[in-house]
């Protein structure tokens, strides 16, 4: 993983001291809240419903055991003993005090972390496949390019105040696990017919009030030109993006109103002009320097299957169930990637206590090569490189800390935003609904019988819970002062990305849990076999059978 150089360390430390002075002036009354707001936002500090919230950057979701221990320390010392891992592969603290916020940033700087550009109308944390460097279907490790994008975009003077926040995702595998089609820019590493590696470039995806799937604007961009092409896209957006209406300020609206063909022409024209005037693209030797930080670990030569592991899987049913759902294949024989579930039955999706974070750090040192951890955009954690022979001991330790729920990709592996329990923008609660659904489907055997099913919940139209791309999506709305919930079906964030469609009239807070169960029971009754996943069944039969069960005669 990337290590700070001298410039990185000096830059982050200077930024912390600059911010410390800003906080002091705010606390003394020299600076008003309106004056302070843009400064704190540039350092990841929000003012939420009940308290401040600090969002910490975890670039492309990669961190190590030392950094995880520091996150645990911050949760214990400056918050209420937990942190919340987000869909942007970051971590948030929901209860920091303003007077402590500079000390938190200073603590983060000690372990090469920061909160720069986790907020504001700038280029946010670039995300990637959580299994990067481990997945068998990977063409090239996307984290190299995420790091290059991070260095290029951090405090970029031209893009520090864009029309709206801007999000980029990169996938290096044939199967999109980074949801690139619902990002402002999505990049898919691919090979062309000549065997050269480059990028398929997608622009204009996003969720929120106006959900859209990104449009392809270039089938193949040689990777040597990535930064200049990104610069061209951002320049066109910066010039033409709406600034008079924040709800229409995202690049997806520009794509929609301008048209894909015309916008592509403008970007290509800007790109050609840019390359004639200056050289922005990174030199090959610098690419190689950054690639070296992401060199594969020192894998041992192991057999495809470990005998002791297979014996334990045969003997212990609970262990076998965990392996089935939370252990993923690896490109190197004898190794696996392990999903650490932050979704215990009835728990709060994405939350981890300080004790759990410390334990994960300890287990990472014991069992994960290079003590490496990943944050997923499903609000879970991954140990990317684990020996198959260590799985049983790892599972036992995780299970003792309620970190081994075998539900990866199942109905209780819910994505949920903080909702009205924390967020001042929310219309409805998300967390209690997710907990109620998790409890309703608490039986793990039942979850396995249902099979793969992505359920996502947002507490408002901003869609931080990604409900638009849930196989089952739930959106909380305010109806005459009462919390109400819309139900959508058919969303998906993968290669066949789609926006879910509203089924009909919404449901009360109590009724939405029953509605989800009705949808699931209907699926179980009409699927061809256990081998047909929910999303495939829905694609085959359409939404009508589900609407009929939900609304009866109203569906007609």
Protein backbone atom coordinates (compact mmCIF):
# COMPACT_ATOMS: atom_id res chain seq x y z
CA UNK A 1 0.00 0.00 0.00
CA UNK A 2 1.08 3.60 -0.55
CA UNK A 3 3.39 5.19 2.02
CA UNK A 4 3.70 8.95 2.49
CA UNK A 5 6.85 10.57 1.21
CA UNK A 6 8.44 13.64 2.81
CA UNK A 7 6.16 16.00 0.92
CA UNK A 8 3.00 14.12 1.92
CA UNK A 9 3.89 14.15 5.61
CA UNK A 10 4.88 17.83 5.66
CA UNK A 11 1.80 18.85 3.70
CA UNK A 12 -0.67 17.03 5.99
CA UNK A 13 1.01 18.34 9.16
CA UNK A 14 0.91 21.91 7.83
CA UNK A 15 -2.76 21.48 6.99
CA UNK A 16 -3.51 20.31 10.54
CA UNK A 17 -1.79 23.34 12.09
CA UNK A 18 -3.59 25.68 9.71
CA UNK A 19 -6.90 24.12 10.73
CA UNK A 20 -5.98 24.29 14.44
CA UNK A 21 -5.67 28.06 14.09
CA UNK A 22 -9.05 28.24 12.34
CA UNK A 23 -10.72 26.29 15.17
CA UNK A 24 -9.13 28.55 17.78
CA UNK A 25 -10.50 31.64 16.04
CA UNK A 26 -13.95 30.06 15.84
CA UNK A 27 -13.96 29.11 19.52
CA UNK A 28 -12.78 32.58 20.53
CA UNK A 29 -15.52 34.24 18.50
CA UNK A 30 -13.14 35.89 16.05
CA UNK A 31 -14.79 33.87 13.28
CA UNK A 32 -18.51 33.31 12.74
CA UNK A 33 -20.02 29.92 11.89
CA UNK A 34 -20.71 31.14 8.36
CA UNK A 35 -17.06 32.08 7.97
CA UNK A 36 -15.86 28.85 9.56
CA UNK A 37 -18.15 26.48 7.65
CA UNK A 38 -16.22 26.32 4.33
CA UNK A 39 -12.97 25.85 6.26
CA UNK A 40 -14.20 22.97 8.42
CA UNK A 41 -15.83 21.28 5.44
CA UNK A 42 -12.50 21.29 3.63
CA UNK A 43 -11.21 19.25 6.56
CA UNK A 44 -14.10 16.80 6.68
CA UNK A 45 -16.02 18.29 9.61
CA UNK A 46 -19.80 18.47 9.21
CA UNK A 47 -22.43 19.84 11.57
CA UNK A 48 -25.07 17.14 11.79
CA UNK A 49 -28.41 16.92 13.57
CA UNK A 50 -27.09 16.59 17.12
CA UNK A 51 -23.34 17.12 16.92
CA UNK A 52 -20.38 17.49 14.60
CA UNK A 53 -19.40 14.58 12.37
CA UNK A 54 -15.86 13.99 11.13
CA UNK A 55 -15.33 12.02 7.93
CA UNK A 56 -11.86 10.49 7.59
CA UNK A 57 -10.42 9.57 4.20
CA UNK A 58 -9.38 5.99 3.53
CA UNK A 59 -8.06 6.27 -0.04
CA UNK A 60 -9.52 3.49 -2.21
CA UNK A 61 -10.50 1.73 1.02
CA UNK A 62 -7.00 0.50 1.88
CA UNK A 63 -5.46 0.74 5.35
CA UNK A 64 -3.23 -1.29 7.65
CA UNK A 65 -3.31 -2.56 11.24
CA UNK A 66 -1.45 0.46 12.63
CA UNK A 67 -3.98 2.81 11.07
CA UNK A 68 -6.90 0.71 12.29
CA UNK A 69 -5.56 0.91 15.86
CA UNK A 70 -5.39 4.66 15.52
CA UNK A 71 -9.00 4.74 14.35
CA UNK A 72 -9.92 2.69 17.42
CA UNK A 73 -7.99 5.11 19.65
CA UNK A 74 -9.85 8.09 18.18
CA UNK A 75 -13.21 6.36 18.70
CA UNK A 76 -12.33 5.63 22.32
CA UNK A 77 -10.72 8.99 23.15
CA UNK A 78 -12.71 11.53 21.17
CA UNK A 79 -16.02 9.86 20.31
CA UNK A 80 -18.45 7.42 21.91
CA UNK A 81 -16.45 4.26 21.36
CA UNK A 82 -17.30 3.42 17.77
CA UNK A 83 -16.83 4.48 14.15
CA UNK A 84 -19.08 4.14 11.13
CA UNK A 85 -17.63 2.75 7.87
CA UNK A 86 -19.28 4.29 4.82
CA UNK A 87 -20.18 3.44 1.23
CA UNK A 88 -17.34 5.74 0.09
CA UNK A 89 -14.84 3.39 1.80
CA UNK A 90 -14.24 6.02 4.52
CA UNK A 91 -14.96 6.12 8.25
CA UNK A 92 -17.10 8.68 10.10
CA UNK A 93 -17.18 9.70 13.74
CA UNK A 94 -20.59 10.97 14.81
CA UNK A 95 -19.83 12.73 18.12
CA UNK A 96 -16.49 14.60 18.05
CA UNK A 97 -16.24 17.96 19.81
CA UNK A 98 -15.11 20.97 17.84
CA UNK A 99 -12.35 21.72 20.33
CA UNK A 100 -10.95 18.17 19.81
CA UNK A 101 -11.17 18.10 16.03
CA UNK A 102 -7.64 19.43 15.36
CA UNK A 103 -6.20 16.90 17.83
CA UNK A 104 -8.02 14.14 15.92
CA UNK A 105 -6.52 15.31 12.63
CA UNK A 106 -3.10 15.44 14.29
CA UNK A 107 -3.53 11.86 15.51
CA UNK A 108 -4.51 10.79 12.01
CA UNK A 109 -1.44 12.48 10.53
CA UNK A 110 0.76 10.33 12.81
CA UNK A 111 -0.33 7.27 10.81
CA UNK A 112 -0.48 8.84 7.34
CA UNK A 113 -4.19 9.62 7.35
CA UNK A 114 -6.26 12.80 6.97
CA UNK A 115 -9.75 14.16 6.26
CA UNK A 116 -8.89 16.45 3.33
CA UNK A 117 -11.52 16.59 0.55
CA UNK A 118 -13.95 14.28 2.30
CA UNK A 119 -16.45 17.11 1.96
CA UNK A 120 -17.11 20.15 -0.20
CA UNK A 121 -17.57 20.66 -3.93
CA UNK A 122 -14.33 18.96 -4.86
CA UNK A 123 -13.08 15.57 -6.04
CA UNK A 124 -13.87 13.18 -3.19
CA UNK A 125 -12.19 9.92 -2.18
CA UNK A 126 -11.63 7.77 -5.29
CA UNK A 127 -13.00 4.29 -4.66
CA UNK A 128 -12.04 0.86 -5.99
CA UNK A 129 -12.77 -2.85 -5.87
CA UNK A 130 -12.23 -4.02 -2.28
CA UNK A 131 -10.61 -7.21 -3.64
CA UNK A 132 -8.05 -5.32 -5.75
CA UNK A 133 -4.77 -7.21 -6.05
CA UNK A 134 -6.44 -10.44 -4.97
CA UNK A 135 -9.31 -11.08 -7.40
CA UNK A 136 -8.76 -13.78 -10.00
CA UNK A 137 -10.56 -11.81 -12.73
CA UNK A 138 -8.44 -8.69 -12.33
CA UNK A 139 -6.66 -7.22 -15.35
CA UNK A 140 -4.59 -4.75 -13.35
CA UNK A 141 -4.64 -3.42 -9.78
CA UNK A 142 -6.89 -0.31 -9.85
CA UNK A 143 -5.41 1.10 -6.63
CA UNK A 144 -2.32 2.27 -8.51
CA UNK A 145 -4.50 4.53 -10.62
CA UNK A 146 -6.63 5.56 -7.66
CA UNK A 147 -3.47 6.75 -5.91
CA UNK A 148 -2.39 8.64 -9.02
CA UNK A 149 -5.82 10.28 -9.16
CA UNK A 150 -5.59 11.09 -5.43
CA UNK A 151 -2.26 12.87 -5.86
CA UNK A 152 -3.45 14.75 -8.94
CA UNK A 153 -6.77 15.84 -7.43
CA UNK A 154 -5.71 16.81 -3.90
CA UNK A 155 -6.03 20.60 -3.62
CA UNK A 156 -6.10 20.89 -7.42
CA UNK A 157 -6.44 24.69 -7.74
CA UNK A 158 -8.82 24.52 -10.68
CA UNK A 159 -11.15 21.93 -9.17
CA UNK A 160 -11.33 22.96 -5.51
CA UNK A 161 -14.72 24.66 -6.00
CA UNK A 162 -16.64 22.66 -8.58
CA UNK A 163 -20.38 23.14 -9.23
CA UNK A 164 -20.97 20.14 -6.96
CA UNK A 165 -19.13 17.28 -5.24
CA UNK A 166 -17.44 14.89 -7.66
CA UNK A 167 -16.91 11.15 -7.31
CA UNK A 168 -14.66 8.79 -9.28
CA UNK A 169 -14.48 4.99 -9.08
CA UNK A 170 -12.05 2.56 -10.74
CA UNK A 171 -12.40 -1.16 -11.31
CA UNK A 172 -9.67 -3.43 -12.61
CA UNK A 173 -11.76 -6.57 -13.04
CA UNK A 174 -14.18 -7.91 -15.62
CA UNK A 175 -16.90 -7.96 -12.95
CA UNK A 176 -17.60 -4.46 -11.67
CA UNK A 177 -17.42 -4.47 -7.87
CA UNK A 178 -16.86 -0.70 -7.58
CA UNK A 179 -20.25 0.48 -8.91
CA UNK A 180 -18.54 2.62 -11.56
CA UNK A 181 -21.78 3.18 -13.49
CA UNK A 182 -23.29 5.29 -10.71
CA UNK A 183 -20.33 7.65 -10.39
CA UNK A 184 -19.57 11.02 -11.94
CA UNK A 185 -16.66 9.29 -13.67
CA UNK A 186 -16.32 5.53 -13.82
CA UNK A 187 -13.13 3.92 -15.11
CA UNK A 188 -12.88 0.26 -16.13
CA UNK A 189 -9.41 -1.10 -16.82
CA UNK A 190 -9.50 -3.21 -19.99
CA UNK A 191 -7.36 -4.63 -22.78
CA UNK A 192 -7.86 -3.65 -26.41
CA UNK A 193 -7.50 -6.00 -29.34
CA UNK A 194 -3.76 -5.33 -29.46
CA UNK A 195 -3.41 -6.41 -25.83
CA UNK A 196 -2.70 -2.89 -24.56
CA UNK A 197 -4.11 -1.84 -21.21
CA UNK A 198 -6.25 1.27 -20.94
CA UNK A 199 -9.56 2.54 -19.65
CA UNK A 200 -13.18 2.47 -20.70
CA UNK A 201 -14.44 5.90 -19.61
CA UNK A 202 -17.97 6.44 -18.30
CA UNK A 203 -19.38 9.83 -17.31
CA UNK A 204 -22.56 11.10 -15.69
CA UNK A 205 -23.68 8.40 -13.30
CA UNK A 206 -25.13 9.18 -9.91
CA UNK A 207 -28.00 8.71 -7.52
CA UNK A 208 -29.76 11.35 -5.43
CA UNK A 209 -32.85 13.21 -6.69
CA UNK A 210 -32.21 12.33 -10.31
CA UNK A 211 -30.60 8.89 -10.50
CA UNK A 212 -28.79 8.13 -13.76
CA UNK A 213 -26.54 5.44 -15.19
CA UNK A 214 -23.26 6.76 -16.59
CA UNK A 215 -22.78 7.01 -20.36
CA UNK A 216 -19.74 5.64 -22.15
CA UNK A 217 -17.76 8.47 -23.72
CA UNK A 218 -14.63 6.52 -24.66
CA UNK A 219 -14.31 2.82 -25.31
CA UNK A 220 -10.55 2.80 -24.85
CA UNK A 221 -8.21 5.44 -23.44
CA UNK A 222 -4.51 4.50 -23.31
CA UNK A 223 -3.55 4.61 -19.66
CA UNK A 224 -0.65 7.00 -20.30
CA UNK A 225 -3.22 9.74 -20.95
CA UNK A 226 -5.50 9.22 -17.98
CA UNK A 227 -4.78 12.45 -16.09
CA UNK A 228 -5.05 14.74 -19.09
CA UNK A 229 -8.35 13.13 -20.06
CA UNK A 230 -9.72 13.50 -16.53
CA UNK A 231 -8.54 17.11 -16.59
CA UNK A 232 -10.45 17.69 -19.83
CA UNK A 233 -13.65 16.19 -18.39
CA UNK A 234 -13.40 18.29 -15.23
CA UNK A 235 -12.66 21.46 -17.20
CA UNK A 236 -15.74 21.04 -19.38
CA UNK A 237 -17.84 20.31 -16.29
CA UNK A 238 -16.37 23.25 -14.39
CA UNK A 239 -17.17 25.61 -17.27
CA UNK A 240 -20.67 24.37 -18.08
CA UNK A 241 -21.99 22.77 -14.89
CA UNK A 242 -24.97 24.49 -13.27
CA UNK A 243 -24.13 26.77 -10.33
CA UNK A 244 -27.54 28.37 -9.99
CA UNK A 245 -29.28 25.23 -8.69
CA UNK A 246 -27.46 22.66 -6.55
CA UNK A 247 -30.02 20.01 -7.44
CA UNK A 248 -29.03 20.31 -11.09
CA UNK A 249 -25.32 20.90 -10.59
CA UNK A 250 -23.98 17.35 -10.94
CA UNK A 251 -22.27 16.33 -14.16
CA UNK A 252 -25.04 13.79 -14.83
CA UNK A 253 -27.40 16.73 -15.51
CA UNK A 254 -24.86 18.23 -17.90
CA UNK A 255 -24.63 14.92 -19.76
CA UNK A 256 -28.42 14.65 -19.91
CA UNK A 257 -29.00 18.23 -21.09
CA UNK A 258 -26.06 18.43 -23.50
CA UNK A 259 -26.29 14.91 -24.89
CA UNK A 260 -23.62 12.22 -24.75
CA UNK A 261 -22.39 12.76 -28.30
CA UNK A 262 -22.02 16.54 -27.98
CA UNK A 263 -20.41 16.34 -24.55
CA UNK A 264 -17.96 13.73 -25.82
CA UNK A 265 -17.04 16.06 -28.69
CA UNK A 266 -16.41 18.91 -26.25
CA UNK A 267 -14.28 16.75 -23.96
CA UNK A 268 -12.20 15.40 -26.84
CA UNK A 269 -11.71 18.95 -28.16
CA UNK A 270 -10.63 20.19 -24.74
CA UNK A 271 -8.32 17.21 -24.36
CA UNK A 272 -6.57 17.87 -27.66
CA UNK A 273 -6.13 21.55 -26.82
CA UNK A 274 -4.83 20.72 -23.35
CA UNK A 275 -2.21 18.32 -24.68
CA UNK A 276 -0.96 20.90 -27.16
CA UNK A 277 -0.40 23.48 -24.44
CA UNK A 278 1.01 21.53 -21.50
CA UNK A 279 1.92 18.08 -20.24
CA UNK A 280 -0.25 16.89 -17.34
CA UNK A 281 0.14 13.15 -17.76
CA UNK A 282 2.31 11.33 -15.28
CA UNK A 283 5.78 10.21 -16.51
CA UNK A 284 6.22 6.42 -16.90
CA UNK A 285 8.95 6.35 -14.24
CA UNK A 286 6.56 7.93 -11.72
CA UNK A 287 3.90 5.33 -12.55
CA UNK A 288 6.47 2.61 -11.86
CA UNK A 289 7.40 4.24 -8.56
CA UNK A 290 3.78 4.21 -7.41
CA UNK A 291 3.22 0.68 -8.78
CA UNK A 292 6.02 -0.52 -6.52
CA UNK A 293 3.96 0.43 -3.46
CA UNK A 294 1.28 -2.00 -4.63
CA UNK A 295 3.54 -4.93 -5.47
CA UNK A 296 2.01 -8.29 -4.51
CA UNK A 297 2.88 -9.62 -1.06
CA UNK A 298 5.41 -12.44 -0.68
CA UNK A 299 3.00 -15.32 -1.29
CA UNK A 300 4.14 -18.81 -0.36
CA UNK A 301 3.79 -21.73 -2.72
CA UNK A 302 0.80 -23.63 -1.33
CA UNK A 303 -1.55 -26.37 -2.44
CA UNK A 304 -4.92 -25.37 -3.88
CA UNK A 305 -6.69 -26.92 -0.88
CA UNK A 306 -5.54 -27.28 2.72
CA UNK A 307 -6.42 -30.64 4.28
CA UNK A 308 -6.89 -29.31 7.83
CA UNK A 309 -9.15 -26.55 6.51
CA UNK A 310 -11.33 -29.04 4.65
CA UNK A 311 -11.58 -31.20 7.76
CA UNK A 312 -12.73 -28.28 9.89
CA UNK A 313 -15.26 -27.28 7.27
CA UNK A 314 -16.66 -30.81 7.33
CA UNK A 315 -16.74 -31.00 11.14
CA UNK A 316 -18.09 -27.55 12.00
CA UNK A 317 -21.34 -26.54 10.33
CA UNK A 318 -21.16 -22.91 11.50
CA UNK A 319 -17.64 -22.56 10.12
CA UNK A 320 -18.73 -24.09 6.81
CA UNK A 321 -21.60 -21.63 6.56
CA UNK A 322 -19.23 -18.70 7.14
CA UNK A 323 -16.79 -19.99 4.53
CA UNK A 324 -19.61 -20.37 2.02
CA UNK A 325 -20.68 -16.75 2.26
CA UNK A 326 -17.79 -14.69 3.64
CA UNK A 327 -14.72 -16.28 2.08
CA UNK A 328 -13.86 -15.31 -1.48
CA UNK A 329 -11.52 -17.02 -3.98
CA UNK A 330 -8.03 -15.62 -4.50
CA UNK A 331 -5.82 -15.46 -7.56
CA UNK A 332 -3.01 -17.31 -5.70
CA UNK A 333 -3.48 -21.01 -4.76
CA UNK A 334 -3.84 -21.62 -1.03
CA UNK A 335 -5.00 -18.08 -0.27
CA UNK A 336 -8.43 -16.48 0.11
CA UNK A 337 -9.99 -13.08 0.81
CA UNK A 338 -12.15 -12.80 3.92
CA UNK A 339 -15.21 -10.60 4.39
CA UNK A 340 -15.56 -9.27 7.93
CA UNK A 341 -19.24 -8.56 8.40
CA UNK A 342 -20.17 -5.32 10.16
CA UNK A 343 -23.81 -6.41 9.95
CA UNK A 344 -24.62 -8.60 12.96
CA UNK A 345 -28.29 -9.51 13.20
CA UNK A 346 -30.09 -6.48 14.57
CA UNK A 347 -26.94 -4.35 14.46
CA UNK A 348 -26.25 -0.97 12.87
CA UNK A 349 -24.79 -1.45 9.38
CA UNK A 350 -21.19 -0.28 9.12
CA UNK A 351 -20.58 0.39 12.82
CA UNK A 352 -17.53 -1.05 14.60
CA UNK A 353 -16.58 -0.48 18.23
CA UNK A 354 -13.11 0.56 19.33
CA UNK A 355 -12.59 -2.93 20.79
CA UNK A 356 -13.62 -4.55 17.51
CA UNK A 357 -11.28 -2.29 15.55
CA UNK A 358 -8.41 -3.16 17.88
CA UNK A 359 -9.18 -6.86 17.52
CA UNK A 360 -9.32 -6.60 13.73
CA UNK A 361 -5.92 -4.90 13.78
CA UNK A 362 -4.50 -7.71 15.95
CA UNK A 363 -5.98 -10.42 13.73
CA UNK A 364 -4.71 -8.63 10.66
CA UNK A 365 -1.18 -8.71 12.05
CA UNK A 366 -1.57 -12.44 12.71
CA UNK A 367 -3.34 -13.65 9.61
CA UNK A 368 -3.36 -11.07 6.76
CA UNK A 369 -0.30 -10.57 4.61
CA UNK A 370 1.26 -7.13 5.07
CA UNK A 371 -1.32 -6.42 7.81
CA UNK A 372 -3.65 -5.08 5.13
CA UNK A 373 -7.36 -4.28 5.50
CA UNK A 374 -9.90 -3.02 2.99
CA UNK A 375 -13.15 -1.11 3.49
CA UNK A 376 -15.93 -2.09 1.08
CA UNK A 377 -18.64 0.15 -0.32
CA UNK A 378 -21.07 -2.32 1.27
CA UNK A 379 -19.89 -1.01 4.68
CA UNK A 380 -17.93 -4.13 5.58
CA UNK A 381 -14.21 -4.93 5.87
CA UNK A 382 -12.03 -7.34 3.92
CA UNK A 383 -8.75 -9.07 4.67
CA UNK A 384 -7.52 -9.53 1.09
CA UNK A 385 -4.69 -12.05 1.54
CA UNK A 386 -5.25 -14.85 4.09
CA UNK A 387 -3.89 -18.39 4.06
CA UNK A 388 -6.60 -21.01 3.77
CA UNK A 389 -4.91 -22.89 6.61
CA UNK A 390 -5.48 -19.92 8.98
CA UNK A 391 -9.19 -19.58 8.33
CA UNK A 392 -10.50 -21.62 11.24
CA UNK A 393 -8.49 -19.76 13.88
CA UNK A 394 -9.41 -16.43 12.30
CA UNK A 395 -13.10 -17.35 12.23
CA UNK A 396 -13.11 -18.35 15.88
CA UNK A 397 -11.62 -15.00 16.92
CA UNK A 398 -14.01 -13.02 14.73
CA UNK A 399 -17.03 -14.98 15.96
CA UNK A 400 -16.16 -14.23 19.59
CA UNK A 401 -16.37 -10.49 18.76
CA UNK A 402 -19.62 -10.69 16.70
CA UNK A 403 -17.68 -10.10 13.49
CA UNK A 404 -18.35 -13.40 11.77
CA UNK A 405 -22.00 -13.19 10.75
CA UNK A 406 -22.12 -15.34 7.58
CA UNK A 407 -24.26 -12.93 5.57
CA UNK A 408 -22.05 -11.42 2.90
CA UNK A 409 -24.32 -10.62 -0.06
CA UNK A 410 -27.44 -11.86 1.72
CA UNK A 411 -30.57 -9.98 2.79
CA UNK A 412 -29.22 -8.86 6.18
CA UNK A 413 -26.05 -7.46 4.58
CA UNK A 414 -27.92 -4.16 4.36
CA UNK A 415 -26.48 -0.84 3.26
CA UNK A 416 -28.06 1.97 5.29
CA UNK A 417 -27.28 5.64 5.70
CA UNK A 418 -27.31 7.22 9.21
CA UNK A 419 -30.76 8.67 8.49
CA UNK A 420 -32.74 10.85 10.86
CA UNK A 421 -30.92 9.47 13.90
CA UNK A 422 -27.93 11.64 12.93
CA UNK A 423 -28.35 13.51 9.65
CA UNK A 424 -29.95 16.95 9.43
CA UNK A 425 -30.89 16.34 5.79
CA UNK A 426 -32.80 13.12 6.42
CA UNK A 427 -36.60 12.81 6.31
CA UNK A 428 -36.83 9.43 7.99
CA UNK A 429 -34.89 6.94 10.04
CA UNK A 430 -32.85 4.28 8.26
CA UNK A 431 -31.12 2.47 11.10
CA UNK A 432 -34.24 1.18 12.96
CA UNK A 433 -35.72 -0.04 9.67
CA UNK A 434 -32.53 -1.90 8.78
CA UNK A 435 -32.43 -3.43 12.26
CA UNK A 436 -36.07 -4.52 12.04
CA UNK A 437 -35.52 -6.17 8.65
CA UNK A 438 -32.36 -7.85 9.92
CA UNK A 439 -34.26 -9.21 12.91
CA UNK A 440 -37.16 -10.36 10.73
CA UNK A 441 -34.74 -12.45 8.67
CA UNK A 442 -32.49 -13.38 11.59
CA UNK A 443 -32.43 -17.09 10.77
CA UNK A 444 -29.14 -17.57 8.90
CA UNK A 445 -30.34 -20.78 7.26
CA UNK A 446 -33.33 -18.85 5.94
CA UNK A 447 -31.04 -16.15 4.57
CA UNK A 448 -28.95 -18.76 2.79
CA UNK A 449 -32.12 -20.31 1.37
CA UNK A 450 -33.16 -16.91 -0.02
CA UNK A 451 -29.75 -16.48 -1.61
CA UNK A 452 -28.01 -13.36 -2.97
CA UNK A 453 -30.12 -10.26 -2.42
CA UNK A 454 -28.94 -6.65 -2.06
CA UNK A 455 -31.14 -4.49 0.15
CA UNK A 456 -30.29 -0.79 0.54
CA UNK A 457 -31.96 1.95 2.61
CA UNK A 458 -31.75 5.76 2.40
CA UNK A 459 -33.32 8.19 4.84
CA UNK A 460 -33.79 10.89 2.20
CA UNK A 461 -33.65 11.56 -1.53
CA UNK A 462 -29.88 12.21 -1.39
CA UNK A 463 -29.52 8.41 -1.56
CA UNK A 464 -26.48 7.98 0.68
CA UNK A 465 -27.76 4.45 1.31
CA UNK A 466 -27.69 3.70 -2.46
CA UNK A 467 -31.34 2.59 -2.45
CA UNK A 468 -31.66 3.33 -6.18
CA UNK A 469 -29.35 0.40 -7.02
CA UNK A 470 -30.62 -2.06 -4.43
CA UNK A 471 -32.29 -5.23 -5.69
CA UNK A 472 -34.75 -4.07 -3.05
CA UNK A 473 -34.47 -0.36 -2.27
CA UNK A 474 -36.14 1.61 0.51
CA UNK A 475 -36.41 5.40 0.56
CA UNK A 476 -37.60 7.25 3.64
CA UNK A 477 -39.79 10.30 2.97
CA UNK A 478 -41.72 12.78 5.08
CA UNK A 479 -45.47 12.61 4.54
CA UNK A 480 -47.36 15.22 6.54
CA UNK A 481 -44.87 15.03 9.38
CA UNK A 482 -44.77 11.22 9.50
CA UNK A 483 -42.04 8.86 8.32
CA UNK A 484 -43.06 6.96 5.21
CA UNK A 485 -41.13 4.52 3.03
CA UNK A 486 -41.14 3.96 -0.73
CA UNK A 487 -40.19 0.53 -2.03
CA UNK A 488 -38.21 0.01 -5.25
CA UNK A 489 -37.33 -3.18 -7.08
CA UNK A 490 -34.78 -4.06 -9.73
CA UNK A 491 -31.85 -1.77 -9.02
CA UNK A 492 -28.33 -3.07 -9.38
CA UNK A 493 -24.83 -1.49 -9.28
CA UNK A 494 -22.88 -4.06 -11.33
CA UNK A 495 -22.08 -4.51 -15.04
CA UNK A 496 -25.80 -4.45 -15.80
CA UNK A 497 -26.42 -1.39 -13.65
CA UNK A 498 -30.04 -0.28 -13.38
CA UNK A 499 -32.14 2.11 -11.31
CA UNK A 500 -34.87 0.44 -9.29
CA UNK A 501 -38.51 1.30 -9.99
CA UNK A 502 -41.05 2.33 -7.36
CA UNK A 503 -43.60 -0.41 -6.76
CA UNK A 504 -46.49 1.89 -5.86
CA UNK A 505 -47.78 3.65 -2.74
CA UNK A 506 -45.37 3.74 0.18
CA UNK A 507 -45.59 2.10 3.59
CA UNK A 508 -45.48 3.12 7.23
CA UNK A 509 -42.42 2.41 9.36
CA UNK A 510 -44.06 -0.80 10.58
CA UNK A 511 -45.48 -1.73 7.20
CA UNK A 512 -42.23 -1.53 5.24
CA UNK A 513 -40.81 -4.55 7.04
CA UNK A 514 -43.90 -6.59 6.16
CA UNK A 515 -43.65 -5.34 2.57
CA UNK A 516 -40.06 -6.58 2.27
CA UNK A 517 -41.11 -9.97 3.62
CA UNK A 518 -43.97 -10.08 1.09
CA UNK A 519 -41.53 -9.42 -1.75
CA UNK A 520 -39.18 -12.13 -0.52
CA UNK A 521 -41.97 -14.70 -0.04
CA UNK A 522 -43.27 -13.96 -3.52
CA UNK A 523 -39.81 -14.55 -4.96
CA UNK A 524 -39.44 -17.86 -3.14
CA UNK A 525 -42.78 -19.01 -4.55
CA UNK A 526 -42.07 -18.13 -8.18
CA UNK A 527 -38.35 -18.70 -8.66
CA UNK A 528 -37.43 -21.54 -10.98
CA UNK A 529 -35.04 -23.07 -8.43
CA UNK A 530 -32.69 -22.11 -5.61
CA UNK A 531 -30.12 -21.43 -8.33
CA UNK A 532 -32.13 -18.46 -9.66
CA UNK A 533 -31.14 -15.32 -7.70
CA UNK A 534 -33.74 -12.72 -6.79
CA UNK A 535 -32.56 -10.17 -9.36
CA UNK A 536 -32.65 -12.74 -12.18
CA UNK A 537 -36.13 -13.89 -11.17
CA UNK A 538 -37.33 -10.28 -11.12
CA UNK A 539 -35.84 -9.68 -14.58
CA UNK A 540 -37.60 -12.78 -15.89
CA UNK A 541 -41.09 -12.19 -14.52
CA UNK A 542 -41.19 -8.41 -14.08
CA UNK A 543 -42.58 -6.48 -11.12
CA UNK A 544 -46.29 -7.35 -11.54
CA UNK A 545 -46.34 -10.54 -9.41
CA UNK A 546 -44.72 -8.61 -6.56
CA UNK A 547 -47.08 -5.64 -6.90
CA UNK A 548 -50.09 -7.95 -6.86
CA UNK A 549 -48.95 -9.44 -3.56
CA UNK A 550 -48.11 -6.02 -2.12
CA UNK A 551 -51.23 -4.14 -3.14
CA UNK A 552 -53.80 -6.73 -4.25
CA UNK A 553 -56.41 -5.16 -6.51
CA UNK A 554 -54.65 -1.78 -6.25
CA UNK A 555 -51.89 -3.12 -8.48
CA UNK A 556 -54.25 -3.19 -11.44
